[in-house]
Every structure is written in C-alpha cells, then in structure tokens.
Amino acid sequence: MANTPTVVNHPLVQHKLSYLRARETPPAEFRRLLREIGQLMIYEVLRDLPLTTKTIETPLTPMQAPVIDGKKLVLVSILRAGNGLLDGMLELVPLARVGHVGLYRDPESLEAVEYYMKLPPDIAARQTIVVDPMLATANTATAAVTKLKDAGAAQIKFACVLAAPEGVAKFSNAHPDVPLYTAAIDDHLNDHGYIVPGLGDAGDRIYGT
C-alpha cells in the first residue's frame, strides 16, 4: 500500500520556497534559499530519531541527558541537484556519512540512467536520507532508492522540496516502505516532465547553467 507524503508546511519553509520559485532569483540566492530549506526540513525528517541517555555534568549536578542513539546517519545526494539540499542538511548533522548516486533523466524516454554511485560500506546499519530537490516523474528517485536497497540500505527516507502528484503516486507505489517528505505538492507535470508551477530545472538554477 502506498504511503502518504509528509508536507513540511512550516511558514518559514513556505516563505523561502516562494522566493526559490521566482524566476528572477539569481543562482547565489537560489543556493542560499535551498540550503536554508534543507536545514529546516531536516528537523521534520529526523523527528523520530531514536534517543538514549548518557551521564553528563552540568555546572550544578550530574544528570542523564538525551543523546541520539545508534550509528550516524547517511545522507545520499542524487547528483547533481541533490547537493543543494545536502549542504544545508550537513550543517545540522555534520557527522553524517555522505553517499552520492549519479543519475540523469533521458530527455526522450524520461527514464533514469546511472553514471555514478558511491556509498558508505556499512549503509545497511544506518538510517539513510535520500535528497533531491524535485520529485517530478519519480523515475530518478525510484531508481536511486532501488539501487540503495540493492546495496543493503533498509532504513530509507526521501526528502525533496517540490513534488508532482504523478511523481508522488509512482514513488509511493514503487517504495511504499520509504517515507516521503516535501515542502509542496504542485499541480501537475507538463509534456516535458517538468513540475508546474514548479521552479524550473533545479540543477540549472543552482549552478547557473
């Protein structure tokens, strides 16, 4: 059964997303906004991280203080646009391990084609957050998560800034066990597989290409 996506509708996220969408926003500002949205979204994505306690000394007394339990996270960026979200998330979880999956969408078939993959060797023992700004056709995201599962990853979440209803349906049907987080679900995909109203091509806008 397909899962229901979590829409991170915090006012700060929505405010920054509006400026991210605007066509006049230059690449430097686009990168800053995307990084800040990544920082804000990671709070929601990691809301259910397990905690344990350890003994610490405050200036007044010893106490049992909560700390994150288990191995460090893995953040996996779908190249190239995923790095825009990755940078912000890493600022809040700087000890996370990082993986990269290189996939591009064939302009004719819209299918995902792999050209690179590098992951931490013990990814099976770690919670994995896959990041890509856009979930459009979901071909790339679906293929990336399949490859991560093939590599042994078992605890996977997917985070994006914008999603299309078509992409949400395809991704959640293909990977119903993978929670999906997004800042907005837009209206539809156009004939070229772009999200409408969307924000254009995230990779091109990040890097000014």
N, C-alpha and C. Protein backbone atom coordinates (compact mmCIF):
# COMPACT_ATOMS: atom_id res chain seq x y z
N MET A 1 0.84 -1.20 0.00
CA MET A 1 0.00 0.00 0.00
C MET A 1 0.87 1.25 0.00
N ALA A 2 0.54 2.23 -0.86
CA ALA A 2 1.32 3.44 -0.96
C ALA A 2 1.23 4.26 0.32
N ASN A 3 2.33 4.99 0.63
CA ASN A 3 2.31 5.80 1.83
C ASN A 3 1.84 7.22 1.53
N THR A 4 1.52 7.96 2.57
CA THR A 4 1.07 9.34 2.43
C THR A 4 2.25 10.27 2.68
N PRO A 5 2.57 11.17 1.74
CA PRO A 5 3.72 12.05 1.95
C PRO A 5 3.49 13.04 3.08
N THR A 6 4.57 13.42 3.74
CA THR A 6 4.54 14.46 4.75
C THR A 6 4.91 15.78 4.10
N VAL A 7 3.99 16.75 4.15
CA VAL A 7 4.26 18.08 3.59
C VAL A 7 4.73 18.98 4.73
N VAL A 8 5.95 19.47 4.61
CA VAL A 8 6.53 20.34 5.63
C VAL A 8 6.06 21.76 5.34
N ASN A 9 4.97 22.16 5.97
CA ASN A 9 4.32 23.43 5.63
C ASN A 9 4.61 24.54 6.64
N HIS A 10 5.73 24.45 7.31
CA HIS A 10 6.11 25.50 8.24
C HIS A 10 6.19 26.83 7.50
N PRO A 11 5.71 27.93 8.11
CA PRO A 11 5.72 29.22 7.42
C PRO A 11 7.09 29.64 6.89
N LEU A 12 8.17 29.36 7.62
CA LEU A 12 9.50 29.72 7.14
C LEU A 12 9.86 28.96 5.87
N VAL A 13 9.50 27.68 5.83
CA VAL A 13 9.76 26.88 4.64
C VAL A 13 8.97 27.42 3.45
N GLN A 14 7.69 27.70 3.66
CA GLN A 14 6.85 28.17 2.57
C GLN A 14 7.28 29.55 2.08
N HIS A 15 7.69 30.42 2.99
CA HIS A 15 8.17 31.75 2.62
C HIS A 15 9.41 31.64 1.73
N LYS A 16 10.37 30.84 2.16
CA LYS A 16 11.61 30.70 1.40
C LYS A 16 11.35 30.00 0.06
N LEU A 17 10.40 29.07 0.05
CA LEU A 17 10.07 28.37 -1.19
C LEU A 17 9.51 29.33 -2.23
N SER A 18 8.73 30.30 -1.82
CA SER A 18 8.17 31.27 -2.77
C SER A 18 9.29 32.04 -3.47
N TYR A 19 10.31 32.45 -2.73
CA TYR A 19 11.44 33.14 -3.34
C TYR A 19 12.28 32.19 -4.19
N LEU A 20 12.34 30.93 -3.79
CA LEU A 20 13.07 29.93 -4.57
C LEU A 20 12.41 29.75 -5.94
N ARG A 21 11.08 29.81 -5.98
CA ARG A 21 10.35 29.62 -7.23
C ARG A 21 10.55 30.78 -8.21
N ALA A 22 10.71 32.00 -7.71
CA ALA A 22 10.69 33.20 -8.55
C ALA A 22 11.78 33.15 -9.61
N ARG A 23 11.42 33.42 -10.84
CA ARG A 23 12.36 33.28 -11.95
C ARG A 23 13.51 34.27 -11.86
N GLU A 24 13.30 35.41 -11.18
CA GLU A 24 14.36 36.43 -11.10
C GLU A 24 15.38 36.13 -10.01
N THR A 25 15.16 35.11 -9.20
CA THR A 25 16.12 34.77 -8.14
C THR A 25 17.42 34.26 -8.76
N PRO A 26 18.55 34.93 -8.50
CA PRO A 26 19.83 34.53 -9.12
C PRO A 26 20.40 33.27 -8.48
N PRO A 27 21.36 32.63 -9.14
CA PRO A 27 21.91 31.36 -8.63
C PRO A 27 22.44 31.44 -7.20
N ALA A 28 23.15 32.51 -6.84
CA ALA A 28 23.71 32.59 -5.49
C ALA A 28 22.59 32.62 -4.44
N GLU A 29 21.54 33.39 -4.71
CA GLU A 29 20.41 33.46 -3.79
C GLU A 29 19.63 32.15 -3.79
N PHE A 30 19.52 31.52 -4.96
CA PHE A 30 18.83 30.23 -5.07
C PHE A 30 19.54 29.19 -4.21
N ARG A 31 20.86 29.15 -4.28
CA ARG A 31 21.62 28.19 -3.49
C ARG A 31 21.43 28.44 -1.99
N ARG A 32 21.44 29.71 -1.59
CA ARG A 32 21.26 30.03 -0.17
C ARG A 32 19.89 29.60 0.32
N LEU A 33 18.85 29.90 -0.46
CA LEU A 33 17.50 29.53 -0.06
C LEU A 33 17.33 28.02 0.02
N LEU A 34 17.89 27.31 -0.95
CA LEU A 34 17.78 25.85 -0.96
C LEU A 34 18.50 25.25 0.24
N ARG A 35 19.66 25.80 0.56
CA ARG A 35 20.41 25.32 1.73
C ARG A 35 19.61 25.55 3.01
N GLU A 36 18.98 26.73 3.13
CA GLU A 36 18.19 27.03 4.33
C GLU A 36 16.95 26.15 4.43
N ILE A 37 16.30 25.88 3.30
CA ILE A 37 15.14 24.97 3.31
C ILE A 37 15.59 23.57 3.73
N GLY A 38 16.75 23.15 3.25
CA GLY A 38 17.27 21.85 3.67
C GLY A 38 17.48 21.78 5.17
N GLN A 39 18.00 22.86 5.77
CA GLN A 39 18.19 22.89 7.22
C GLN A 39 16.85 22.77 7.95
N LEU A 40 15.85 23.48 7.46
CA LEU A 40 14.55 23.46 8.13
C LEU A 40 13.84 22.12 7.95
N MET A 41 13.97 21.52 6.77
CA MET A 41 13.27 20.26 6.52
C MET A 41 13.86 19.10 7.31
N ILE A 42 15.17 19.14 7.57
CA ILE A 42 15.79 18.00 8.24
C ILE A 42 15.23 17.81 9.65
N TYR A 43 14.74 18.90 10.27
CA TYR A 43 14.11 18.77 11.57
C TYR A 43 12.93 17.80 11.50
N GLU A 44 12.09 17.98 10.47
CA GLU A 44 10.90 17.14 10.33
C GLU A 44 11.28 15.72 9.92
N VAL A 45 12.23 15.61 9.02
CA VAL A 45 12.64 14.29 8.53
C VAL A 45 13.20 13.43 9.66
N LEU A 46 13.90 14.07 10.60
CA LEU A 46 14.56 13.32 11.68
C LEU A 46 13.80 13.36 13.00
N ARG A 47 12.53 13.72 12.93
CA ARG A 47 11.73 13.86 14.14
C ARG A 47 11.69 12.57 14.97
N ASP A 48 11.76 11.42 14.32
CA ASP A 48 11.62 10.15 15.05
C ASP A 48 12.96 9.45 15.30
N LEU A 49 14.06 10.19 15.25
CA LEU A 49 15.35 9.58 15.56
C LEU A 49 15.32 8.98 16.97
N PRO A 50 15.84 7.79 17.15
CA PRO A 50 15.84 7.18 18.48
C PRO A 50 16.83 7.88 19.40
N LEU A 51 16.46 7.97 20.66
CA LEU A 51 17.30 8.59 21.68
C LEU A 51 17.69 7.58 22.75
N THR A 52 18.83 7.82 23.35
CA THR A 52 19.23 7.12 24.55
C THR A 52 19.70 8.19 25.54
N THR A 53 20.27 7.80 26.65
CA THR A 53 20.77 8.79 27.60
C THR A 53 22.23 8.49 27.95
N LYS A 54 22.93 9.54 28.35
CA LYS A 54 24.29 9.39 28.85
C LYS A 54 24.45 10.32 30.05
N THR A 55 25.38 9.97 30.91
CA THR A 55 25.63 10.79 32.09
C THR A 55 26.52 11.97 31.71
N ILE A 56 26.07 13.19 32.05
CA ILE A 56 26.88 14.38 31.85
C ILE A 56 26.90 15.17 33.16
N GLU A 57 27.83 16.11 33.26
CA GLU A 57 27.92 17.00 34.40
C GLU A 57 27.49 18.39 33.95
N THR A 58 26.40 18.91 34.49
CA THR A 58 26.07 20.32 34.28
C THR A 58 26.87 21.13 35.30
N PRO A 59 26.86 22.46 35.21
CA PRO A 59 27.56 23.24 36.25
C PRO A 59 27.03 23.00 37.66
N LEU A 60 25.84 22.37 37.77
CA LEU A 60 25.23 22.18 39.09
C LEU A 60 25.20 20.75 39.58
N THR A 61 25.05 19.78 38.63
CA THR A 61 24.83 18.41 39.09
C THR A 61 24.99 17.43 37.92
N PRO A 62 25.26 16.16 38.22
CA PRO A 62 25.20 15.14 37.17
C PRO A 62 23.75 14.93 36.74
N MET A 63 23.57 14.47 35.50
CA MET A 63 22.22 14.13 35.02
C MET A 63 22.33 13.13 33.89
N GLN A 64 21.20 12.44 33.64
CA GLN A 64 21.07 11.57 32.49
C GLN A 64 20.49 12.41 31.34
N ALA A 65 21.30 12.68 30.34
CA ALA A 65 20.91 13.60 29.27
C ALA A 65 20.62 12.82 27.99
N PRO A 66 19.60 13.24 27.22
CA PRO A 66 19.27 12.54 25.98
C PRO A 66 20.28 12.82 24.87
N VAL A 67 20.66 11.76 24.17
CA VAL A 67 21.53 11.85 23.00
C VAL A 67 21.01 10.88 21.94
N ILE A 68 21.35 11.15 20.70
CA ILE A 68 20.89 10.30 19.60
C ILE A 68 21.53 8.92 19.73
N ASP A 69 20.73 7.89 19.54
CA ASP A 69 21.17 6.51 19.67
C ASP A 69 21.54 5.94 18.31
N GLY A 70 22.43 4.97 18.31
CA GLY A 70 22.75 4.23 17.09
C GLY A 70 23.84 4.88 16.27
N LYS A 71 24.09 4.30 15.10
CA LYS A 71 25.14 4.78 14.20
C LYS A 71 24.73 6.11 13.56
N LYS A 72 25.73 6.83 13.07
CA LYS A 72 25.47 8.10 12.40
C LYS A 72 24.63 7.88 11.14
N LEU A 73 23.92 8.93 10.75
CA LEU A 73 23.09 8.90 9.55
C LEU A 73 23.93 8.80 8.29
N VAL A 74 23.25 8.44 7.19
CA VAL A 74 23.80 8.58 5.85
C VAL A 74 22.88 9.51 5.07
N LEU A 75 23.45 10.55 4.50
CA LEU A 75 22.73 11.41 3.58
C LEU A 75 23.20 11.08 2.17
N VAL A 76 22.26 10.74 1.30
CA VAL A 76 22.60 10.36 -0.08
C VAL A 76 22.03 11.40 -1.03
N SER A 77 22.91 12.06 -1.75
CA SER A 77 22.51 13.07 -2.72
C SER A 77 22.37 12.45 -4.11
N ILE A 78 21.23 12.71 -4.75
CA ILE A 78 21.08 12.34 -6.16
C ILE A 78 21.68 13.48 -6.97
N LEU A 79 22.78 13.19 -7.62
CA LEU A 79 23.50 14.23 -8.37
C LEU A 79 22.69 14.70 -9.58
N ARG A 80 22.85 15.99 -9.92
CA ARG A 80 23.72 16.94 -9.26
C ARG A 80 22.96 17.85 -8.32
N ALA A 81 21.66 17.99 -8.57
CA ALA A 81 20.85 18.97 -7.83
C ALA A 81 20.71 18.62 -6.36
N GLY A 82 20.83 17.33 -6.01
CA GLY A 82 20.69 16.94 -4.61
C GLY A 82 21.69 17.61 -3.69
N ASN A 83 22.85 18.00 -4.25
CA ASN A 83 23.86 18.65 -3.41
C ASN A 83 23.38 19.97 -2.83
N GLY A 84 22.44 20.62 -3.50
CA GLY A 84 21.90 21.87 -2.97
C GLY A 84 21.17 21.68 -1.66
N LEU A 85 20.44 20.58 -1.51
CA LEU A 85 19.79 20.25 -0.24
C LEU A 85 20.77 19.64 0.75
N LEU A 86 21.69 18.83 0.25
CA LEU A 86 22.66 18.15 1.09
C LEU A 86 23.46 19.14 1.93
N ASP A 87 23.89 20.24 1.33
CA ASP A 87 24.76 21.18 2.04
C ASP A 87 24.09 21.73 3.29
N GLY A 88 22.81 22.10 3.19
CA GLY A 88 22.10 22.63 4.35
C GLY A 88 21.90 21.58 5.42
N MET A 89 21.56 20.38 5.02
CA MET A 89 21.34 19.31 6.00
C MET A 89 22.63 18.96 6.73
N LEU A 90 23.75 18.97 6.02
CA LEU A 90 25.03 18.63 6.64
C LEU A 90 25.43 19.66 7.69
N GLU A 91 24.97 20.89 7.55
CA GLU A 91 25.30 21.90 8.54
C GLU A 91 24.68 21.56 9.90
N LEU A 92 23.55 20.87 9.89
CA LEU A 92 22.89 20.50 11.14
C LEU A 92 23.30 19.11 11.63
N VAL A 93 23.68 18.23 10.71
CA VAL A 93 24.14 16.89 11.11
C VAL A 93 25.53 16.66 10.47
N PRO A 94 26.53 17.42 10.94
CA PRO A 94 27.84 17.41 10.27
C PRO A 94 28.58 16.08 10.35
N LEU A 95 28.19 15.21 11.29
CA LEU A 95 28.88 13.92 11.41
C LEU A 95 28.25 12.84 10.53
N ALA A 96 27.21 13.18 9.79
CA ALA A 96 26.58 12.19 8.91
C ALA A 96 27.55 11.74 7.83
N ARG A 97 27.46 10.46 7.47
CA ARG A 97 28.18 9.98 6.31
C ARG A 97 27.44 10.43 5.05
N VAL A 98 28.14 10.50 3.94
CA VAL A 98 27.55 11.01 2.70
C VAL A 98 27.77 10.03 1.56
N GLY A 99 26.70 9.76 0.83
CA GLY A 99 26.78 8.97 -0.39
C GLY A 99 26.29 9.79 -1.57
N HIS A 100 26.66 9.36 -2.77
CA HIS A 100 26.21 10.03 -3.99
C HIS A 100 25.73 9.00 -5.00
N VAL A 101 24.62 9.31 -5.63
CA VAL A 101 24.11 8.49 -6.74
C VAL A 101 23.98 9.41 -7.94
N GLY A 102 24.67 9.08 -9.01
CA GLY A 102 24.62 9.88 -10.23
C GLY A 102 23.62 9.29 -11.21
N LEU A 103 22.53 9.99 -11.41
CA LEU A 103 21.51 9.57 -12.36
C LEU A 103 21.08 10.78 -13.17
N TYR A 104 20.81 10.58 -14.44
CA TYR A 104 20.21 11.66 -15.22
C TYR A 104 18.99 11.12 -15.95
N ARG A 105 18.10 12.05 -16.25
CA ARG A 105 16.85 11.67 -16.91
C ARG A 105 17.01 11.80 -18.41
N ASP A 106 16.89 10.67 -19.12
CA ASP A 106 16.97 10.71 -20.58
C ASP A 106 15.88 11.62 -21.14
N PRO A 107 16.26 12.63 -21.95
CA PRO A 107 15.25 13.60 -22.41
C PRO A 107 14.18 13.02 -23.31
N GLU A 108 14.45 11.89 -23.93
CA GLU A 108 13.45 11.27 -24.81
C GLU A 108 12.52 10.33 -24.04
N SER A 109 13.13 9.38 -23.32
CA SER A 109 12.33 8.37 -22.63
C SER A 109 11.91 8.81 -21.22
N LEU A 110 12.61 9.83 -20.67
CA LEU A 110 12.42 10.30 -19.29
C LEU A 110 12.82 9.26 -18.25
N GLU A 111 13.48 8.18 -18.69
CA GLU A 111 13.94 7.14 -17.78
C GLU A 111 15.29 7.53 -17.16
N ALA A 112 15.58 6.98 -15.97
CA ALA A 112 16.81 7.31 -15.26
C ALA A 112 17.97 6.45 -15.77
N VAL A 113 19.12 7.10 -15.99
CA VAL A 113 20.32 6.43 -16.46
C VAL A 113 21.43 6.67 -15.42
N GLU A 114 22.04 5.61 -14.91
CA GLU A 114 23.07 5.73 -13.88
C GLU A 114 24.43 5.99 -14.50
N TYR A 115 25.22 6.90 -13.89
CA TYR A 115 26.60 7.10 -14.31
C TYR A 115 27.59 7.08 -13.15
N TYR A 116 27.08 7.06 -11.89
CA TYR A 116 27.99 7.06 -10.75
C TYR A 116 27.24 6.63 -9.50
N MET A 117 27.94 5.88 -8.61
CA MET A 117 27.37 5.58 -7.29
C MET A 117 28.51 5.29 -6.32
N LYS A 118 28.51 5.99 -5.19
CA LYS A 118 29.50 5.78 -4.13
C LYS A 118 28.78 5.90 -2.80
N LEU A 119 28.81 4.82 -2.00
CA LEU A 119 28.07 4.78 -0.74
C LEU A 119 28.98 4.32 0.39
N PRO A 120 28.67 4.71 1.65
CA PRO A 120 29.40 4.15 2.79
C PRO A 120 29.25 2.63 2.82
N PRO A 121 30.30 1.90 3.18
CA PRO A 121 30.23 0.44 3.10
C PRO A 121 29.25 -0.21 4.07
N ASP A 122 28.96 0.47 5.19
CA ASP A 122 28.07 -0.12 6.19
C ASP A 122 26.69 0.53 6.15
N ILE A 123 26.23 0.90 4.98
CA ILE A 123 24.96 1.61 4.85
C ILE A 123 23.79 0.78 5.39
N ALA A 124 23.93 -0.54 5.38
CA ALA A 124 22.85 -1.40 5.87
C ALA A 124 22.54 -1.17 7.34
N ALA A 125 23.52 -0.68 8.09
CA ALA A 125 23.34 -0.49 9.54
C ALA A 125 22.96 0.93 9.90
N ARG A 126 22.71 1.78 8.91
CA ARG A 126 22.46 3.19 9.17
C ARG A 126 21.14 3.65 8.56
N GLN A 127 20.50 4.64 9.21
CA GLN A 127 19.34 5.27 8.59
C GLN A 127 19.82 6.16 7.44
N THR A 128 19.14 6.08 6.31
CA THR A 128 19.57 6.75 5.09
C THR A 128 18.51 7.75 4.65
N ILE A 129 18.95 8.99 4.41
CA ILE A 129 18.06 10.04 3.90
C ILE A 129 18.51 10.36 2.48
N VAL A 130 17.64 10.13 1.51
CA VAL A 130 17.93 10.43 0.11
C VAL A 130 17.37 11.81 -0.21
N VAL A 131 18.18 12.66 -0.85
CA VAL A 131 17.76 14.03 -1.10
C VAL A 131 17.88 14.40 -2.57
N ASP A 132 16.86 15.08 -3.06
CA ASP A 132 16.82 15.62 -4.42
C ASP A 132 15.76 16.72 -4.40
N PRO A 133 16.05 17.91 -4.91
CA PRO A 133 15.06 18.99 -4.80
C PRO A 133 13.71 18.69 -5.44
N MET A 134 13.69 17.92 -6.52
CA MET A 134 12.47 17.74 -7.29
C MET A 134 12.07 16.27 -7.37
N LEU A 135 10.78 16.00 -7.20
CA LEU A 135 10.22 14.68 -7.48
C LEU A 135 9.19 14.89 -8.59
N ALA A 136 9.63 14.76 -9.81
CA ALA A 136 8.78 15.05 -10.96
C ALA A 136 8.15 13.76 -11.49
N THR A 137 8.81 13.11 -12.45
CA THR A 137 8.30 11.82 -12.92
C THR A 137 8.55 10.72 -11.90
N ALA A 138 9.51 10.94 -11.00
CA ALA A 138 9.94 9.99 -9.97
C ALA A 138 10.77 8.85 -10.53
N ASN A 139 11.09 8.87 -11.82
CA ASN A 139 11.91 7.80 -12.38
C ASN A 139 13.29 7.77 -11.73
N THR A 140 13.90 8.96 -11.56
CA THR A 140 15.23 9.02 -10.96
C THR A 140 15.20 8.61 -9.49
N ALA A 141 14.26 9.17 -8.73
CA ALA A 141 14.17 8.85 -7.30
C ALA A 141 13.87 7.37 -7.08
N THR A 142 12.97 6.82 -7.86
CA THR A 142 12.62 5.40 -7.73
C THR A 142 13.82 4.52 -8.02
N ALA A 143 14.55 4.86 -9.09
CA ALA A 143 15.74 4.08 -9.44
C ALA A 143 16.81 4.20 -8.37
N ALA A 144 17.00 5.40 -7.82
CA ALA A 144 18.02 5.60 -6.80
C ALA A 144 17.73 4.78 -5.55
N VAL A 145 16.48 4.80 -5.11
CA VAL A 145 16.12 4.05 -3.90
C VAL A 145 16.25 2.55 -4.15
N THR A 146 15.90 2.09 -5.34
CA THR A 146 16.07 0.68 -5.69
C THR A 146 17.55 0.28 -5.59
N LYS A 147 18.44 1.14 -6.09
CA LYS A 147 19.87 0.85 -6.04
C LYS A 147 20.37 0.84 -4.59
N LEU A 148 19.84 1.72 -3.76
CA LEU A 148 20.23 1.73 -2.36
C LEU A 148 19.77 0.45 -1.65
N LYS A 149 18.57 0.02 -1.95
CA LYS A 149 18.10 -1.24 -1.37
C LYS A 149 18.96 -2.40 -1.82
N ASP A 150 19.34 -2.39 -3.09
CA ASP A 150 20.21 -3.44 -3.62
C ASP A 150 21.56 -3.44 -2.91
N ALA A 151 22.00 -2.23 -2.45
CA ALA A 151 23.28 -2.11 -1.74
C ALA A 151 23.15 -2.45 -0.26
N GLY A 152 21.93 -2.75 0.20
CA GLY A 152 21.74 -3.19 1.57
C GLY A 152 21.01 -2.21 2.47
N ALA A 153 20.76 -0.98 2.01
CA ALA A 153 20.07 0.01 2.84
C ALA A 153 18.67 -0.48 3.16
N ALA A 154 18.29 -0.39 4.44
CA ALA A 154 16.99 -0.89 4.86
C ALA A 154 16.12 0.19 5.50
N GLN A 155 16.76 1.22 6.07
CA GLN A 155 16.02 2.31 6.72
C GLN A 155 16.19 3.56 5.85
N ILE A 156 15.25 3.80 4.96
CA ILE A 156 15.40 4.86 3.96
C ILE A 156 14.23 5.84 4.07
N LYS A 157 14.56 7.14 3.94
CA LYS A 157 13.57 8.19 3.77
C LYS A 157 13.97 9.01 2.55
N PHE A 158 12.98 9.67 1.94
CA PHE A 158 13.26 10.50 0.77
C PHE A 158 12.76 11.92 1.04
N ALA A 159 13.61 12.91 0.77
CA ALA A 159 13.24 14.31 1.00
C ALA A 159 13.46 15.13 -0.25
N CYS A 160 12.45 15.93 -0.60
CA CYS A 160 12.54 16.83 -1.75
C CYS A 160 11.86 18.15 -1.38
N VAL A 161 12.05 19.15 -2.21
CA VAL A 161 11.42 20.45 -1.99
C VAL A 161 10.07 20.53 -2.69
N LEU A 162 10.02 20.06 -3.92
CA LEU A 162 8.78 20.08 -4.70
C LEU A 162 8.50 18.70 -5.25
N ALA A 163 7.20 18.36 -5.32
CA ALA A 163 6.78 17.09 -5.90
C ALA A 163 5.58 17.32 -6.80
N ALA A 164 5.46 16.49 -7.81
CA ALA A 164 4.26 16.46 -8.65
C ALA A 164 3.38 15.30 -8.19
N PRO A 165 2.06 15.43 -8.32
CA PRO A 165 1.19 14.31 -7.92
C PRO A 165 1.54 13.01 -8.62
N GLU A 166 1.91 13.11 -9.90
CA GLU A 166 2.28 11.90 -10.65
C GLU A 166 3.51 11.24 -10.06
N GLY A 167 4.49 12.06 -9.65
CA GLY A 167 5.70 11.52 -9.06
C GLY A 167 5.46 10.91 -7.70
N VAL A 168 4.62 11.57 -6.89
CA VAL A 168 4.28 11.03 -5.58
C VAL A 168 3.63 9.66 -5.72
N ALA A 169 2.69 9.55 -6.67
CA ALA A 169 1.99 8.28 -6.85
C ALA A 169 2.95 7.18 -7.29
N LYS A 170 3.82 7.49 -8.25
CA LYS A 170 4.74 6.47 -8.75
C LYS A 170 5.74 6.05 -7.68
N PHE A 171 6.31 7.03 -6.98
CA PHE A 171 7.32 6.71 -5.98
C PHE A 171 6.73 5.90 -4.83
N SER A 172 5.57 6.34 -4.33
CA SER A 172 5.00 5.66 -3.16
C SER A 172 4.48 4.28 -3.51
N ASN A 173 4.07 4.07 -4.75
CA ASN A 173 3.67 2.73 -5.18
C ASN A 173 4.87 1.81 -5.34
N ALA A 174 5.98 2.37 -5.84
CA ALA A 174 7.19 1.57 -6.03
C ALA A 174 7.88 1.26 -4.71
N HIS A 175 7.84 2.23 -3.77
CA HIS A 175 8.53 2.08 -2.49
C HIS A 175 7.60 2.48 -1.34
N PRO A 176 6.58 1.71 -1.08
CA PRO A 176 5.62 2.08 -0.04
C PRO A 176 6.22 2.08 1.37
N ASP A 177 7.39 1.48 1.52
CA ASP A 177 8.06 1.43 2.82
C ASP A 177 8.97 2.62 3.05
N VAL A 178 9.08 3.53 2.10
CA VAL A 178 10.00 4.67 2.20
C VAL A 178 9.20 5.95 2.44
N PRO A 179 9.27 6.53 3.64
CA PRO A 179 8.56 7.79 3.90
C PRO A 179 9.04 8.90 2.99
N LEU A 180 8.11 9.72 2.53
CA LEU A 180 8.39 10.80 1.59
C LEU A 180 8.09 12.13 2.26
N TYR A 181 9.04 13.07 2.19
CA TYR A 181 8.89 14.40 2.76
C TYR A 181 9.09 15.43 1.65
N THR A 182 8.22 16.44 1.62
CA THR A 182 8.33 17.50 0.63
C THR A 182 7.79 18.80 1.22
N ALA A 183 8.19 19.92 0.63
CA ALA A 183 7.68 21.21 1.08
C ALA A 183 6.39 21.59 0.36
N ALA A 184 6.12 20.97 -0.79
CA ALA A 184 4.89 21.28 -1.53
C ALA A 184 4.64 20.21 -2.58
N ILE A 185 3.36 19.93 -2.81
CA ILE A 185 2.95 19.08 -3.93
C ILE A 185 2.24 19.99 -4.92
N ASP A 186 2.84 20.17 -6.09
CA ASP A 186 2.32 21.12 -7.07
C ASP A 186 1.19 20.51 -7.90
N ASP A 187 0.81 21.19 -8.98
CA ASP A 187 -0.40 20.84 -9.71
C ASP A 187 -0.26 19.64 -10.63
N HIS A 188 0.77 19.65 -11.50
CA HIS A 188 0.89 18.57 -12.48
C HIS A 188 2.25 18.63 -13.16
N LEU A 189 2.53 17.63 -14.00
CA LEU A 189 3.70 17.63 -14.88
C LEU A 189 3.28 18.10 -16.26
N ASN A 190 4.17 18.87 -16.93
CA ASN A 190 3.88 19.23 -18.32
C ASN A 190 4.39 18.14 -19.26
N ASP A 191 4.30 18.38 -20.55
CA ASP A 191 4.66 17.36 -21.54
C ASP A 191 6.15 17.03 -21.54
N HIS A 192 6.96 17.90 -20.95
CA HIS A 192 8.41 17.66 -20.90
C HIS A 192 8.84 17.09 -19.55
N GLY A 193 7.87 16.75 -18.69
CA GLY A 193 8.21 16.16 -17.40
C GLY A 193 8.64 17.15 -16.35
N TYR A 194 8.30 18.44 -16.53
CA TYR A 194 8.61 19.45 -15.54
C TYR A 194 7.41 19.70 -14.64
N ILE A 195 7.70 19.99 -13.36
CA ILE A 195 6.64 20.28 -12.40
C ILE A 195 6.06 21.67 -12.66
N VAL A 196 4.73 21.78 -12.65
CA VAL A 196 4.03 23.04 -12.84
C VAL A 196 3.20 23.35 -11.59
N PRO A 197 3.30 24.56 -11.00
CA PRO A 197 4.10 25.71 -11.44
C PRO A 197 5.60 25.54 -11.22
N GLY A 198 6.01 24.77 -10.24
CA GLY A 198 7.42 24.40 -10.10
C GLY A 198 8.36 25.55 -9.87
N LEU A 199 9.62 25.31 -10.26
CA LEU A 199 10.65 26.34 -10.16
C LEU A 199 11.67 26.22 -11.29
N GLY A 200 11.33 25.45 -12.33
CA GLY A 200 12.27 25.23 -13.42
C GLY A 200 13.16 24.04 -13.13
N ASP A 201 14.34 24.02 -13.74
CA ASP A 201 15.31 22.95 -13.54
C ASP A 201 16.20 23.32 -12.35
N ALA A 202 16.08 22.57 -11.25
CA ALA A 202 16.80 22.92 -10.02
C ALA A 202 18.31 22.93 -10.24
N GLY A 203 18.83 21.93 -10.94
CA GLY A 203 20.27 21.89 -11.17
C GLY A 203 20.77 23.09 -11.94
N ASP A 204 20.06 23.47 -13.00
CA ASP A 204 20.47 24.64 -13.78
C ASP A 204 20.42 25.91 -12.95
N ARG A 205 19.42 26.01 -12.08
CA ARG A 205 19.29 27.24 -11.29
C ARG A 205 20.30 27.29 -10.14
N ILE A 206 20.71 26.13 -9.63
CA ILE A 206 21.74 26.09 -8.60
C ILE A 206 23.07 26.55 -9.17
N TYR A 207 23.40 26.05 -10.37
CA TYR A 207 24.74 26.25 -10.92
C TYR A 207 24.82 27.26 -12.04
N GLY A 208 23.68 27.87 -12.39
CA GLY A 208 23.70 28.91 -13.41
C GLY A 208 24.01 28.40 -14.80
N THR A 209 23.58 27.18 -15.09
CA THR A 209 23.87 26.58 -16.40
C THR A 209 22.66 26.65 -17.32
